[in-house]
Amino acid sequence: MNEDISKHVLKTGTLTIGIVCKDGIVVAADRRQSYGAQGGGVSYLAGAAKKVLELTDRMIATTAGTASDTRKVLDILRAEFKLKELRTREKISIPEAANFLSNMVYGNIRQPSMIPSITHFILSGYDDKGLYLYDISPDGYIQESDTYVATGSGIAQAHPILDMDYRKNMSTDEAIAMVTKCIRAATAREPSVGAGMDIYVVKKGEIKQVADKEAIVSFENSK
């Protein structure tokens, strides 16, 4: 394959966050897509796209990595989950869905390819047994979180805020304010983060979008 093609793919330089609260789980992501070298750096910004996507009526996932791969993986998952529901007449549990996703990511990145499948997901949802937040890394490693997770190029700005301000008993309203602060901080300092944000709240029996913004004003401009 031509060297320029193999080194440059449409990727989501991004910030995605999940926070466990006393009354639910808050999931958020920016919207910026960038076209750049896999080894680092941003060649140019390629518009905006939602990175918090619905898998079923009971679970959502954030996307980071190669945009085409993340969408393909989630499309396959939706189909598999629907087939399972038709066969068994039961909805898939969130732990089962997370492990299914983890196995797909594990297999995809190990397939021989000139353009590797690089995908990173945060999966959140509810079932009859409770609420869940999972981090599925690009190598297929899966970890359930009872605090918070963040992925993407904006974590250098987000992690200090999360480490400093997170509390076990915080409310979803407090977490919404926190993820907004994280995305704004990353937008101000990381070129591949921005173009807006989406914020969702996961509660027992409900997943609701609470923020749908096309652009974020930086700290400097918001003073």
Protein backbone atom coordinates (compact mmCIF):
# COMPACT_ATOMS: atom_id res chain seq x y z
CA MET A 1 0.00 0.00 0.00
CA ASN A 2 1.15 3.54 -0.69
CA GLU A 3 2.99 4.88 2.37
CA ASP A 4 0.92 8.07 2.51
CA ILE A 5 -2.33 6.07 2.59
CA SER A 6 -1.12 3.63 5.24
CA LYS A 7 -0.01 6.43 7.57
CA HIS A 8 -3.05 8.69 7.20
CA VAL A 9 -6.58 7.64 8.07
CA LEU A 10 -9.71 9.42 9.22
CA LYS A 11 -9.48 9.25 13.00
CA THR A 12 -11.34 10.66 15.94
CA GLY A 13 -8.78 12.58 17.95
CA THR A 14 -11.19 13.02 20.79
CA LEU A 15 -12.21 13.10 24.41
CA THR A 16 -14.79 10.63 25.71
CA ILE A 17 -15.73 10.33 29.38
CA GLY A 18 -17.87 8.15 31.61
CA ILE A 19 -18.59 8.97 35.27
CA VAL A 20 -20.36 6.81 37.85
CA CYS A 21 -22.60 8.87 40.16
CA LYS A 22 -24.83 8.12 43.11
CA ASP A 23 -27.94 8.48 40.94
CA GLY A 24 -26.76 7.30 37.52
CA ILE A 25 -23.92 7.37 35.01
CA VAL A 26 -22.91 10.37 32.88
CA VAL A 27 -21.37 9.73 29.44
CA ALA A 28 -19.96 12.49 27.23
CA ALA A 29 -17.83 13.11 24.16
CA ASP A 30 -16.72 15.93 21.91
CA ARG A 31 -17.57 15.89 18.17
CA ARG A 32 -14.38 16.79 16.30
CA GLN A 33 -13.01 14.49 13.61
CA SER A 34 -9.47 14.92 12.36
CA TYR A 35 -7.45 13.52 9.48
CA GLY A 36 -3.89 12.90 10.55
CA ALA A 37 -0.88 10.65 10.83
CA GLN A 38 -1.31 7.64 13.08
CA GLY A 39 2.07 8.39 14.63
CA GLY A 40 0.80 11.71 15.97
CA GLY A 41 -0.06 15.21 14.87
CA VAL A 42 -3.12 16.57 13.10
CA SER A 43 -2.93 17.23 9.36
CA TYR A 44 -6.27 19.00 9.25
CA LEU A 45 -9.67 19.00 10.90
CA ALA A 46 -12.32 17.07 9.00
CA GLY A 47 -15.61 18.27 10.45
CA ALA A 48 -17.79 16.96 13.24
CA ALA A 49 -19.59 13.74 14.11
CA LYS A 50 -21.41 12.35 17.11
CA LYS A 51 -19.28 10.00 19.19
CA VAL A 52 -21.92 8.85 21.66
CA LEU A 53 -24.02 6.30 19.79
CA GLU A 54 -26.99 4.13 20.73
CA LEU A 55 -26.53 0.36 20.55
CA THR A 56 -29.92 -0.62 21.93
CA ASP A 57 -32.59 1.18 23.91
CA ARG A 58 -30.64 0.17 27.05
CA MET A 59 -27.02 0.91 26.15
CA ILE A 60 -24.80 3.51 24.52
CA ALA A 61 -21.15 3.57 23.50
CA THR A 62 -18.59 6.29 22.91
CA THR A 63 -16.13 5.97 20.02
CA ALA A 64 -12.45 6.83 19.74
CA GLY A 65 -9.94 5.67 17.17
CA THR A 66 -10.35 5.09 13.44
CA ALA A 67 -13.80 6.41 12.55
CA SER A 68 -14.66 3.82 9.91
CA ASP A 69 -13.74 0.94 12.21
CA THR A 70 -15.67 2.23 15.21
CA ARG A 71 -18.84 2.63 13.12
CA LYS A 72 -18.46 -0.79 11.52
CA VAL A 73 -17.98 -2.50 14.88
CA LEU A 74 -21.08 -0.87 16.35
CA ASP A 75 -23.17 -1.68 13.26
CA ILE A 76 -22.21 -5.36 13.62
CA LEU A 77 -23.00 -5.28 17.33
CA ARG A 78 -26.47 -3.86 16.74
CA ALA A 79 -27.22 -6.65 14.29
CA GLU A 80 -25.87 -9.35 16.61
CA PHE A 81 -27.83 -8.05 19.59
CA LYS A 82 -31.03 -7.94 17.54
CA LEU A 83 -30.50 -11.50 16.30
CA LYS A 84 -29.92 -12.72 19.86
CA GLU A 85 -33.10 -11.04 21.01
CA LEU A 86 -35.08 -12.64 18.19
CA ARG A 87 -33.64 -16.08 18.92
CA THR A 88 -33.91 -16.06 22.71
CA ARG A 89 -36.73 -13.52 23.20
CA GLU A 90 -34.48 -11.90 25.82
CA LYS A 91 -32.53 -8.66 25.79
CA ILE A 92 -28.79 -9.03 26.04
CA SER A 93 -27.31 -8.08 29.43
CA ILE A 94 -24.80 -5.24 29.61
CA PRO A 95 -21.92 -7.44 30.84
CA GLU A 96 -22.58 -9.88 28.00
CA ALA A 97 -22.65 -7.01 25.49
CA ALA A 98 -19.41 -5.57 26.86
CA ASN A 99 -17.64 -8.91 26.55
CA PHE A 100 -18.97 -9.36 23.02
CA LEU A 101 -17.56 -5.93 22.10
CA SER A 102 -14.26 -6.71 23.80
CA ASN A 103 -13.88 -9.94 21.83
CA MET A 104 -14.54 -8.10 18.56
CA VAL A 105 -11.95 -5.43 19.33
CA TYR A 106 -9.43 -8.09 20.41
CA GLY A 107 -9.86 -9.98 17.15
CA ASN A 108 -9.96 -6.97 14.85
CA ILE A 109 -6.67 -5.41 15.92
CA ARG A 110 -4.93 -8.79 15.50
CA GLN A 111 -6.09 -9.27 11.91
CA PRO A 112 -3.23 -8.78 9.41
CA SER A 113 -3.81 -5.42 7.74
CA MET A 114 -1.82 -2.51 6.34
CA ILE A 115 -4.22 -0.22 8.20
CA PRO A 116 -4.81 -1.69 11.69
CA SER A 117 -8.22 -1.50 13.31
CA ILE A 118 -7.75 0.94 16.20
CA THR A 119 -10.90 1.35 18.27
CA HIS A 120 -11.53 2.39 21.85
CA PHE A 121 -14.99 2.31 23.41
CA ILE A 122 -16.73 3.30 26.61
CA LEU A 123 -19.88 1.22 27.00
CA SER A 124 -22.64 2.13 29.45
CA GLY A 125 -26.17 0.94 30.02
CA TYR A 126 -28.66 -0.69 32.33
CA ASP A 127 -30.33 -4.07 32.64
CA ASP A 128 -32.37 -5.90 35.26
CA LYS A 129 -29.36 -6.16 37.57
CA GLY A 130 -28.15 -2.56 37.55
CA LEU A 131 -26.09 0.14 35.82
CA TYR A 132 -22.71 -0.44 34.19
CA LEU A 133 -19.70 1.44 32.86
CA TYR A 134 -17.03 -0.42 30.85
CA ASP A 135 -13.78 0.66 29.26
CA ILE A 136 -12.83 -1.45 26.19
CA SER A 137 -9.26 -0.60 25.14
CA PRO A 138 -7.88 -0.87 21.57
CA ASP A 139 -6.18 -4.20 22.39
CA GLY A 140 -9.47 -5.72 23.57
CA TYR A 141 -8.80 -5.34 27.29
CA ILE A 142 -12.05 -4.82 29.19
CA GLN A 143 -12.46 -3.22 32.61
CA GLU A 144 -15.61 -2.33 34.51
CA SER A 145 -15.36 0.98 36.33
CA ASP A 146 -17.12 2.12 39.49
CA THR A 147 -15.61 5.62 39.30
CA TYR A 148 -14.71 7.21 35.94
CA VAL A 149 -12.95 6.52 32.64
CA ALA A 150 -11.70 8.78 29.85
CA THR A 151 -10.25 8.05 26.41
CA GLY A 152 -8.74 9.93 23.49
CA SER A 153 -6.25 12.68 22.88
CA GLY A 154 -7.91 15.03 25.40
CA ILE A 155 -7.16 12.93 28.47
CA ALA A 156 -4.09 15.02 29.34
CA GLN A 157 -6.44 17.91 30.12
CA ALA A 158 -9.33 15.83 31.49
CA HIS A 159 -7.54 13.49 33.90
CA PRO A 160 -6.26 16.21 36.26
CA ILE A 161 -9.83 17.55 36.59
CA LEU A 162 -11.30 14.09 37.12
CA ASP A 163 -8.60 13.09 39.61
CA MET A 164 -9.06 16.29 41.60
CA ASP A 165 -12.83 16.76 41.54
CA TYR A 166 -14.40 13.29 41.38
CA ARG A 167 -16.29 12.08 44.44
CA LYS A 168 -18.04 8.76 44.92
CA ASN A 169 -21.33 10.32 46.00
CA MET A 170 -21.53 13.07 43.40
CA SER A 171 -24.82 13.68 41.62
CA THR A 172 -25.41 13.42 37.88
CA ASP A 173 -25.82 17.22 37.76
CA GLU A 174 -22.37 17.62 39.30
CA ALA A 175 -20.92 15.09 36.86
CA ILE A 176 -22.50 16.92 33.90
CA ALA A 177 -20.75 20.09 35.03
CA MET A 178 -17.50 18.15 35.39
CA VAL A 179 -17.52 16.57 31.91
CA THR A 180 -18.37 19.97 30.44
CA LYS A 181 -15.35 21.44 32.22
CA CYS A 182 -13.14 18.59 30.96
CA ILE A 183 -14.21 18.98 27.33
CA ARG A 184 -13.80 22.75 27.46
CA ALA A 185 -10.30 22.38 28.92
CA ALA A 186 -9.31 19.91 26.20
CA THR A 187 -10.86 22.08 23.48
CA ALA A 188 -8.76 25.04 24.60
CA ARG A 189 -5.48 23.09 24.47
CA GLU A 190 -5.87 20.06 22.17
CA PRO A 191 -6.50 20.78 18.44
CA SER A 192 -8.20 17.45 17.79
CA VAL A 193 -10.87 18.00 20.47
CA GLY A 194 -13.85 20.32 20.00
CA ALA A 195 -16.64 21.06 17.49
CA GLY A 196 -19.31 20.55 20.16
CA MET A 197 -20.27 17.88 22.67
CA ASP A 198 -22.93 15.36 23.57
CA ILE A 199 -23.80 14.38 27.13
CA TYR A 200 -26.04 11.49 28.18
CA VAL A 201 -27.34 10.31 31.55
CA VAL A 202 -27.92 6.60 32.11
CA LYS A 203 -30.39 5.66 34.82
CA LYS A 204 -32.41 2.55 35.61
CA GLY A 205 -35.02 2.32 32.87
CA GLU A 206 -33.83 5.40 30.96
CA ILE A 207 -31.04 6.78 28.80
CA LYS A 208 -31.46 10.49 28.15
CA GLN A 209 -29.42 13.02 26.19
CA VAL A 210 -29.05 16.14 28.31
CA ALA A 211 -26.68 18.20 26.15
CA ASP A 212 -26.41 18.53 22.37
CA LYS A 213 -24.06 21.37 21.49
CA GLU A 214 -22.56 22.17 18.12
CA ALA A 215 -19.66 24.24 19.45
CA ILE A 216 -17.80 24.87 22.67
CA VAL A 217 -16.40 28.22 23.67
CA SER A 218 -12.88 28.05 25.08
CA PHE A 219 -12.06 29.28 28.59
CA GLU A 220 -10.42 32.37 27.18
CA ASN A 221 -13.52 33.34 25.20
CA SER A 222 -15.96 32.50 27.95
CA LYS A 223 -14.57 34.87 30.53
